[in-house]
Each structure stands twice: as C-alpha cells, then as structure tokens.
All heavy atoms as atom14 arrays in JSON, in Angstrom:
{
  "sequence": "IAARALRGDRSAVRFPVSVEAAAARCEQAA",
  "atom14_mask": [
    [1, 1, 1, 1, 1, 1, 1, 1, 0, 0, 0, 0, 0, 0],
    [1, 1, 1, 1, 1, 0, 0, 0, 0, 0, 0, 0, 0, 0],
    [1, 1, 1, 1, 1, 0, 0, 0, 0, 0, 0, 0, 0, 0],
    [1, 1, 1, 1, 1, 1, 1, 1, 1, 1, 1, 0, 0, 0],
    [1, 1, 1, 1, 1, 0, 0, 0, 0, 0, 0, 0, 0, 0],
    [1, 1, 1, 1, 1, 1, 1, 1, 0, 0, 0, 0, 0, 0],
    [1, 1, 1, 1, 1, 1, 1, 1, 1, 1, 1, 0, 0, 0],
    [1, 1, 1, 1, 0, 0, 0, 0, 0, 0, 0, 0, 0, 0],
    [1, 1, 1, 1, 1, 1, 1, 1, 0, 0, 0, 0, 0, 0],
    [1, 1, 1, 1, 1, 1, 1, 1, 1, 1, 1, 0, 0, 0],
    [1, 1, 1, 1, 1, 1, 0, 0, 0, 0, 0, 0, 0, 0],
    [1, 1, 1, 1, 1, 0, 0, 0, 0, 0, 0, 0, 0, 0],
    [1, 1, 1, 1, 1, 1, 1, 0, 0, 0, 0, 0, 0, 0],
    [1, 1, 1, 1, 1, 1, 1, 1, 1, 1, 1, 0, 0, 0],
    [1, 1, 1, 1, 1, 1, 1, 1, 1, 1, 1, 0, 0, 0],
    [1, 1, 1, 1, 1, 1, 1, 0, 0, 0, 0, 0, 0, 0],
    [1, 1, 1, 1, 1, 1, 1, 0, 0, 0, 0, 0, 0, 0],
    [1, 1, 1, 1, 1, 1, 0, 0, 0, 0, 0, 0, 0, 0],
    [1, 1, 1, 1, 1, 1, 1, 0, 0, 0, 0, 0, 0, 0],
    [1, 1, 1, 1, 1, 1, 1, 1, 1, 0, 0, 0, 0, 0],
    [1, 1, 1, 1, 1, 0, 0, 0, 0, 0, 0, 0, 0, 0],
    [1, 1, 1, 1, 1, 0, 0, 0, 0, 0, 0, 0, 0, 0],
    [1, 1, 1, 1, 1, 0, 0, 0, 0, 0, 0, 0, 0, 0],
    [1, 1, 1, 1, 1, 0, 0, 0, 0, 0, 0, 0, 0, 0],
    [1, 1, 1, 1, 1, 1, 1, 1, 1, 1, 1, 0, 0, 0],
    [1, 1, 1, 1, 1, 1, 0, 0, 0, 0, 0, 0, 0, 0],
    [1, 1, 1, 1, 1, 1, 1, 1, 1, 0, 0, 0, 0, 0],
    [1, 1, 1, 1, 1, 1, 1, 1, 1, 0, 0, 0, 0, 0],
    [1, 1, 1, 1, 1, 0, 0, 0, 0, 0, 0, 0, 0, 0],
    [1, 1, 1, 1, 1, 0, 0, 0, 0, 0, 0, 0, 0, 0]
  ],
  "atom14_positions": [
    [[100.94, 155.17, 110.69], [100.16, 155.53, 109.51], [98.67, 155.39, 109.81], [97.86, 156.26, 109.45], [100.56, 154.66, 108.3], [101.97, 155.04, 107.84], [99.55, 154.8, 107.16], [102.56, 154.09, 106.82], [0.0, 0.0, 0.0], [0.0, 0.0, 0.0], [0.0, 0.0, 0.0], [0.0, 0.0, 0.0], [0.0, 0.0, 0.0], [0.0, 0.0, 0.0]],
    [[98.29, 154.32, 110.5], [96.87, 154.09, 110.83], [96.34, 155.21, 111.72], [95.24, 155.72, 111.49], [96.7, 152.75, 111.51], [0.0, 0.0, 0.0], [0.0, 0.0, 0.0], [0.0, 0.0, 0.0], [0.0, 0.0, 0.0], [0.0, 0.0, 0.0], [0.0, 0.0, 0.0], [0.0, 0.0, 0.0], [0.0, 0.0, 0.0], [0.0, 0.0, 0.0]],
    [[97.11, 155.61, 112.71], [96.66, 156.67, 113.62], [96.44, 157.97, 112.85], [95.43, 158.66, 113.04], [97.68, 156.87, 114.75], [0.0, 0.0, 0.0], [0.0, 0.0, 0.0], [0.0, 0.0, 0.0], [0.0, 0.0, 0.0], [0.0, 0.0, 0.0], [0.0, 0.0, 0.0], [0.0, 0.0, 0.0], [0.0, 0.0, 0.0], [0.0, 0.0, 0.0]],
    [[97.39, 158.31, 111.97], [97.23, 159.53, 111.18], [96.04, 159.43, 110.24], [95.28, 160.39, 110.09], [98.52, 159.83, 110.41], [99.66, 160.24, 111.33], [100.83, 160.91, 110.63], [101.17, 160.41, 109.33], [102.26, 159.68, 109.05], [103.1, 159.35, 110.0], [102.51, 159.29, 107.82], [0.0, 0.0, 0.0], [0.0, 0.0, 0.0], [0.0, 0.0, 0.0]],
    [[95.87, 158.28, 109.6], [94.77, 158.11, 108.65], [93.42, 158.18, 109.36], [92.48, 158.78, 108.84], [94.91, 156.78, 107.92], [0.0, 0.0, 0.0], [0.0, 0.0, 0.0], [0.0, 0.0, 0.0], [0.0, 0.0, 0.0], [0.0, 0.0, 0.0], [0.0, 0.0, 0.0], [0.0, 0.0, 0.0], [0.0, 0.0, 0.0], [0.0, 0.0, 0.0]],
    [[93.32, 157.61, 110.55], [92.07, 157.66, 111.3], [91.72, 159.09, 111.72], [90.55, 159.39, 111.97], [92.13, 156.76, 112.53], [92.1, 155.25, 112.24], [92.41, 154.46, 113.5], [90.77, 154.84, 111.64], [0.0, 0.0, 0.0], [0.0, 0.0, 0.0], [0.0, 0.0, 0.0], [0.0, 0.0, 0.0], [0.0, 0.0, 0.0], [0.0, 0.0, 0.0]],
    [[92.71, 159.95, 111.76], [92.48, 161.36, 112.1], [92.35, 162.23, 110.85], [92.27, 163.44, 110.95], [93.61, 161.86, 112.99], [93.55, 161.23, 114.38], [94.53, 161.88, 115.33], [94.34, 161.35, 116.66], [95.06, 160.36, 117.19], [96.05, 159.81, 116.51], [94.82, 159.93, 118.41], [0.0, 0.0, 0.0], [0.0, 0.0, 0.0], [0.0, 0.0, 0.0]],
    [[92.36, 161.6, 109.67], [92.13, 162.34, 108.43], [93.33, 162.57, 107.55], [93.19, 163.03, 106.42], [0.0, 0.0, 0.0], [0.0, 0.0, 0.0], [0.0, 0.0, 0.0], [0.0, 0.0, 0.0], [0.0, 0.0, 0.0], [0.0, 0.0, 0.0], [0.0, 0.0, 0.0], [0.0, 0.0, 0.0], [0.0, 0.0, 0.0], [0.0, 0.0, 0.0]],
    [[94.54, 162.28, 108.03], [95.74, 162.49, 107.22], [96.1, 161.19, 106.51], [96.67, 160.29, 107.09], [96.91, 162.93, 108.12], [98.22, 163.08, 107.36], [98.22, 162.97, 106.11], [99.25, 163.29, 108.02], [0.0, 0.0, 0.0], [0.0, 0.0, 0.0], [0.0, 0.0, 0.0], [0.0, 0.0, 0.0], [0.0, 0.0, 0.0], [0.0, 0.0, 0.0]],
    [[95.74, 161.11, 105.24], [96.01, 159.89, 104.48], [97.23, 160.05, 103.57], [97.45, 159.25, 102.66], [94.78, 159.51, 103.66], [93.67, 159.01, 104.57], [92.34, 159.0, 103.89], [91.24, 158.76, 104.82], [90.69, 159.67, 105.6], [91.15, 160.9, 105.6], [89.71, 159.37, 106.42], [0.0, 0.0, 0.0], [0.0, 0.0, 0.0], [0.0, 0.0, 0.0]],
    [[98.04, 161.05, 103.81], [99.18, 161.33, 102.94], [100.22, 160.21, 102.95], [100.94, 160.03, 101.98], [99.85, 162.65, 103.35], [100.35, 162.57, 104.67], [0.0, 0.0, 0.0], [0.0, 0.0, 0.0], [0.0, 0.0, 0.0], [0.0, 0.0, 0.0], [0.0, 0.0, 0.0], [0.0, 0.0, 0.0], [0.0, 0.0, 0.0], [0.0, 0.0, 0.0]],
    [[100.29, 159.44, 104.01], [101.28, 158.37, 104.09], [100.79, 157.09, 103.41], [101.56, 156.16, 103.23], [101.63, 158.09, 105.55], [0.0, 0.0, 0.0], [0.0, 0.0, 0.0], [0.0, 0.0, 0.0], [0.0, 0.0, 0.0], [0.0, 0.0, 0.0], [0.0, 0.0, 0.0], [0.0, 0.0, 0.0], [0.0, 0.0, 0.0], [0.0, 0.0, 0.0]],
    [[99.52, 157.04, 103.04], [98.98, 155.86, 102.37], [99.23, 156.04, 100.89], [98.49, 156.73, 100.2], [97.47, 155.69, 102.67], [96.93, 154.45, 101.98], [97.23, 155.63, 104.17], [0.0, 0.0, 0.0], [0.0, 0.0, 0.0], [0.0, 0.0, 0.0], [0.0, 0.0, 0.0], [0.0, 0.0, 0.0], [0.0, 0.0, 0.0], [0.0, 0.0, 0.0]],
    [[100.3, 155.41, 100.41], [100.73, 155.66, 99.04], [100.56, 154.47, 98.11], [100.58, 154.62, 96.92], [102.2, 156.07, 99.02], [102.39, 157.47, 99.56], [103.85, 157.81, 99.61], [104.1, 158.04, 101.03], [105.17, 157.71, 101.67], [106.16, 157.14, 101.06], [105.3, 157.94, 102.95], [0.0, 0.0, 0.0], [0.0, 0.0, 0.0], [0.0, 0.0, 0.0]],
    [[100.45, 153.28, 98.64], [100.41, 152.11, 97.79], [99.1, 152.04, 97.03], [98.03, 151.99, 97.64], [100.61, 150.84, 98.62], [100.88, 149.64, 97.8], [102.12, 149.44, 97.22], [99.89, 148.71, 97.56], [102.37, 148.32, 96.46], [100.12, 147.59, 96.79], [101.37, 147.4, 96.24], [0.0, 0.0, 0.0], [0.0, 0.0, 0.0], [0.0, 0.0, 0.0]],
    [[99.12, 152.05, 95.72], [97.87, 152.08, 94.95], [97.24, 150.69, 94.83], [97.32, 150.03, 93.81], [98.34, 152.59, 93.58], [99.74, 152.1, 93.46], [100.3, 152.13, 94.87], [0.0, 0.0, 0.0], [0.0, 0.0, 0.0], [0.0, 0.0, 0.0], [0.0, 0.0, 0.0], [0.0, 0.0, 0.0], [0.0, 0.0, 0.0], [0.0, 0.0, 0.0]],
    [[96.63, 150.25, 95.9], [96.01, 148.93, 95.91], [94.49, 149.07, 95.87], [93.93, 149.98, 96.48], [96.47, 148.12, 97.15], [95.98, 148.76, 98.42], [96.04, 146.68, 97.06], [0.0, 0.0, 0.0], [0.0, 0.0, 0.0], [0.0, 0.0, 0.0], [0.0, 0.0, 0.0], [0.0, 0.0, 0.0], [0.0, 0.0, 0.0], [0.0, 0.0, 0.0]],
    [[93.86, 148.19, 95.13], [92.39, 148.21, 95.09], [91.86, 147.41, 96.28], [92.57, 146.58, 96.87], [91.89, 147.6, 93.79], [92.12, 146.19, 93.78], [0.0, 0.0, 0.0], [0.0, 0.0, 0.0], [0.0, 0.0, 0.0], [0.0, 0.0, 0.0], [0.0, 0.0, 0.0], [0.0, 0.0, 0.0], [0.0, 0.0, 0.0], [0.0, 0.0, 0.0]],
    [[90.62, 147.64, 96.6], [89.99, 146.9, 97.7], [90.01, 145.41, 97.39], [90.34, 144.59, 98.25], [88.54, 147.41, 97.93], [87.79, 146.52, 98.89], [88.57, 148.85, 98.41], [0.0, 0.0, 0.0], [0.0, 0.0, 0.0], [0.0, 0.0, 0.0], [0.0, 0.0, 0.0], [0.0, 0.0, 0.0], [0.0, 0.0, 0.0], [0.0, 0.0, 0.0]],
    [[89.67, 145.05, 96.16], [89.63, 143.63, 95.78], [91.03, 143.0, 95.85], [91.19, 141.87, 96.31], [89.04, 143.46, 94.38], [88.8, 142.02, 94.0], [87.97, 141.22, 95.0], [86.98, 141.74, 95.53], [88.34, 140.07, 95.28], [0.0, 0.0, 0.0], [0.0, 0.0, 0.0], [0.0, 0.0, 0.0], [0.0, 0.0, 0.0], [0.0, 0.0, 0.0]],
    [[92.05, 143.73, 95.4], [93.41, 143.21, 95.45], [93.87, 143.01, 96.9], [94.52, 142.01, 97.21], [94.37, 144.14, 94.71], [0.0, 0.0, 0.0], [0.0, 0.0, 0.0], [0.0, 0.0, 0.0], [0.0, 0.0, 0.0], [0.0, 0.0, 0.0], [0.0, 0.0, 0.0], [0.0, 0.0, 0.0], [0.0, 0.0, 0.0], [0.0, 0.0, 0.0]],
    [[93.52, 143.95, 97.77], [93.89, 143.81, 99.18], [93.17, 142.63, 99.81], [93.78, 141.86, 100.58], [93.56, 145.1, 99.94], [0.0, 0.0, 0.0], [0.0, 0.0, 0.0], [0.0, 0.0, 0.0], [0.0, 0.0, 0.0], [0.0, 0.0, 0.0], [0.0, 0.0, 0.0], [0.0, 0.0, 0.0], [0.0, 0.0, 0.0], [0.0, 0.0, 0.0]],
    [[91.89, 142.45, 99.5], [91.14, 141.31, 100.04], [91.74, 140.0, 99.56], [91.92, 139.06, 100.35], [89.67, 141.41, 99.63], [0.0, 0.0, 0.0], [0.0, 0.0, 0.0], [0.0, 0.0, 0.0], [0.0, 0.0, 0.0], [0.0, 0.0, 0.0], [0.0, 0.0, 0.0], [0.0, 0.0, 0.0], [0.0, 0.0, 0.0], [0.0, 0.0, 0.0]],
    [[92.08, 139.93, 98.29], [92.67, 138.7, 97.74], [94.02, 138.41, 98.38], [94.33, 137.26, 98.71], [92.81, 138.83, 96.22], [0.0, 0.0, 0.0], [0.0, 0.0, 0.0], [0.0, 0.0, 0.0], [0.0, 0.0, 0.0], [0.0, 0.0, 0.0], [0.0, 0.0, 0.0], [0.0, 0.0, 0.0], [0.0, 0.0, 0.0], [0.0, 0.0, 0.0]],
    [[94.83, 139.45, 98.6], [96.14, 139.24, 99.21], [95.99, 138.75, 100.65], [96.71, 137.85, 101.08], [96.96, 140.53, 99.19], [98.34, 140.33, 99.74], [99.2, 141.56, 99.61], [100.54, 141.28, 100.11], [101.46, 142.21, 100.29], [101.19, 143.47, 100.0], [102.63, 141.9, 100.76], [0.0, 0.0, 0.0], [0.0, 0.0, 0.0], [0.0, 0.0, 0.0]],
    [[95.05, 139.33, 101.39], [94.82, 138.89, 102.76], [94.36, 137.44, 102.81], [94.81, 136.66, 103.64], [93.8, 139.79, 103.45], [94.45, 141.41, 103.89], [0.0, 0.0, 0.0], [0.0, 0.0, 0.0], [0.0, 0.0, 0.0], [0.0, 0.0, 0.0], [0.0, 0.0, 0.0], [0.0, 0.0, 0.0], [0.0, 0.0, 0.0], [0.0, 0.0, 0.0]],
    [[93.44, 137.09, 101.92], [92.97, 135.7, 101.86], [94.11, 134.75, 101.55], [94.24, 133.69, 102.17], [91.86, 135.56, 100.82], [90.56, 136.21, 101.23], [89.55, 136.31, 100.1], [89.93, 136.17, 98.91], [88.39, 136.56, 100.42], [0.0, 0.0, 0.0], [0.0, 0.0, 0.0], [0.0, 0.0, 0.0], [0.0, 0.0, 0.0], [0.0, 0.0, 0.0]],
    [[94.95, 135.13, 100.59], [96.08, 134.27, 100.21], [97.08, 134.15, 101.35], [97.58, 133.06, 101.64], [96.76, 134.82, 98.95], [97.81, 133.89, 98.39], [97.22, 132.58, 97.9], [96.24, 132.58, 97.16], [97.8, 131.47, 98.3], [0.0, 0.0, 0.0], [0.0, 0.0, 0.0], [0.0, 0.0, 0.0], [0.0, 0.0, 0.0], [0.0, 0.0, 0.0]],
    [[97.38, 135.26, 102.01], [98.34, 135.23, 103.13], [97.82, 134.36, 104.26], [98.57, 133.57, 104.85], [98.62, 136.65, 103.62], [0.0, 0.0, 0.0], [0.0, 0.0, 0.0], [0.0, 0.0, 0.0], [0.0, 0.0, 0.0], [0.0, 0.0, 0.0], [0.0, 0.0, 0.0], [0.0, 0.0, 0.0], [0.0, 0.0, 0.0], [0.0, 0.0, 0.0]],
    [[96.53, 134.47, 104.56], [95.93, 133.64, 105.61], [95.98, 132.18, 105.23], [96.28, 131.31, 106.06], [94.5, 134.08, 105.89], [0.0, 0.0, 0.0], [0.0, 0.0, 0.0], [0.0, 0.0, 0.0], [0.0, 0.0, 0.0], [0.0, 0.0, 0.0], [0.0, 0.0, 0.0], [0.0, 0.0, 0.0], [0.0, 0.0, 0.0], [0.0, 0.0, 0.0]]
  ]
}
C-alpha cells in the first residue's frame, strides 16, 4: 500500500483516520 501511495495511487488507503487520531494511537502504542 505504501509503495502504491508514494506513486500516487491512494485507492487502497481506506481507513478514515484523522492525523490527530493517528498520532494519538501511535503515542499510545509506543
């Protein structure tokens, strides 16, 4: 998915997460 997204195809990125929610989840997981 990352390789495709870096080349412009973001169709596989489906999870509707906000930047803040992703940052909070990463902080909590760490």
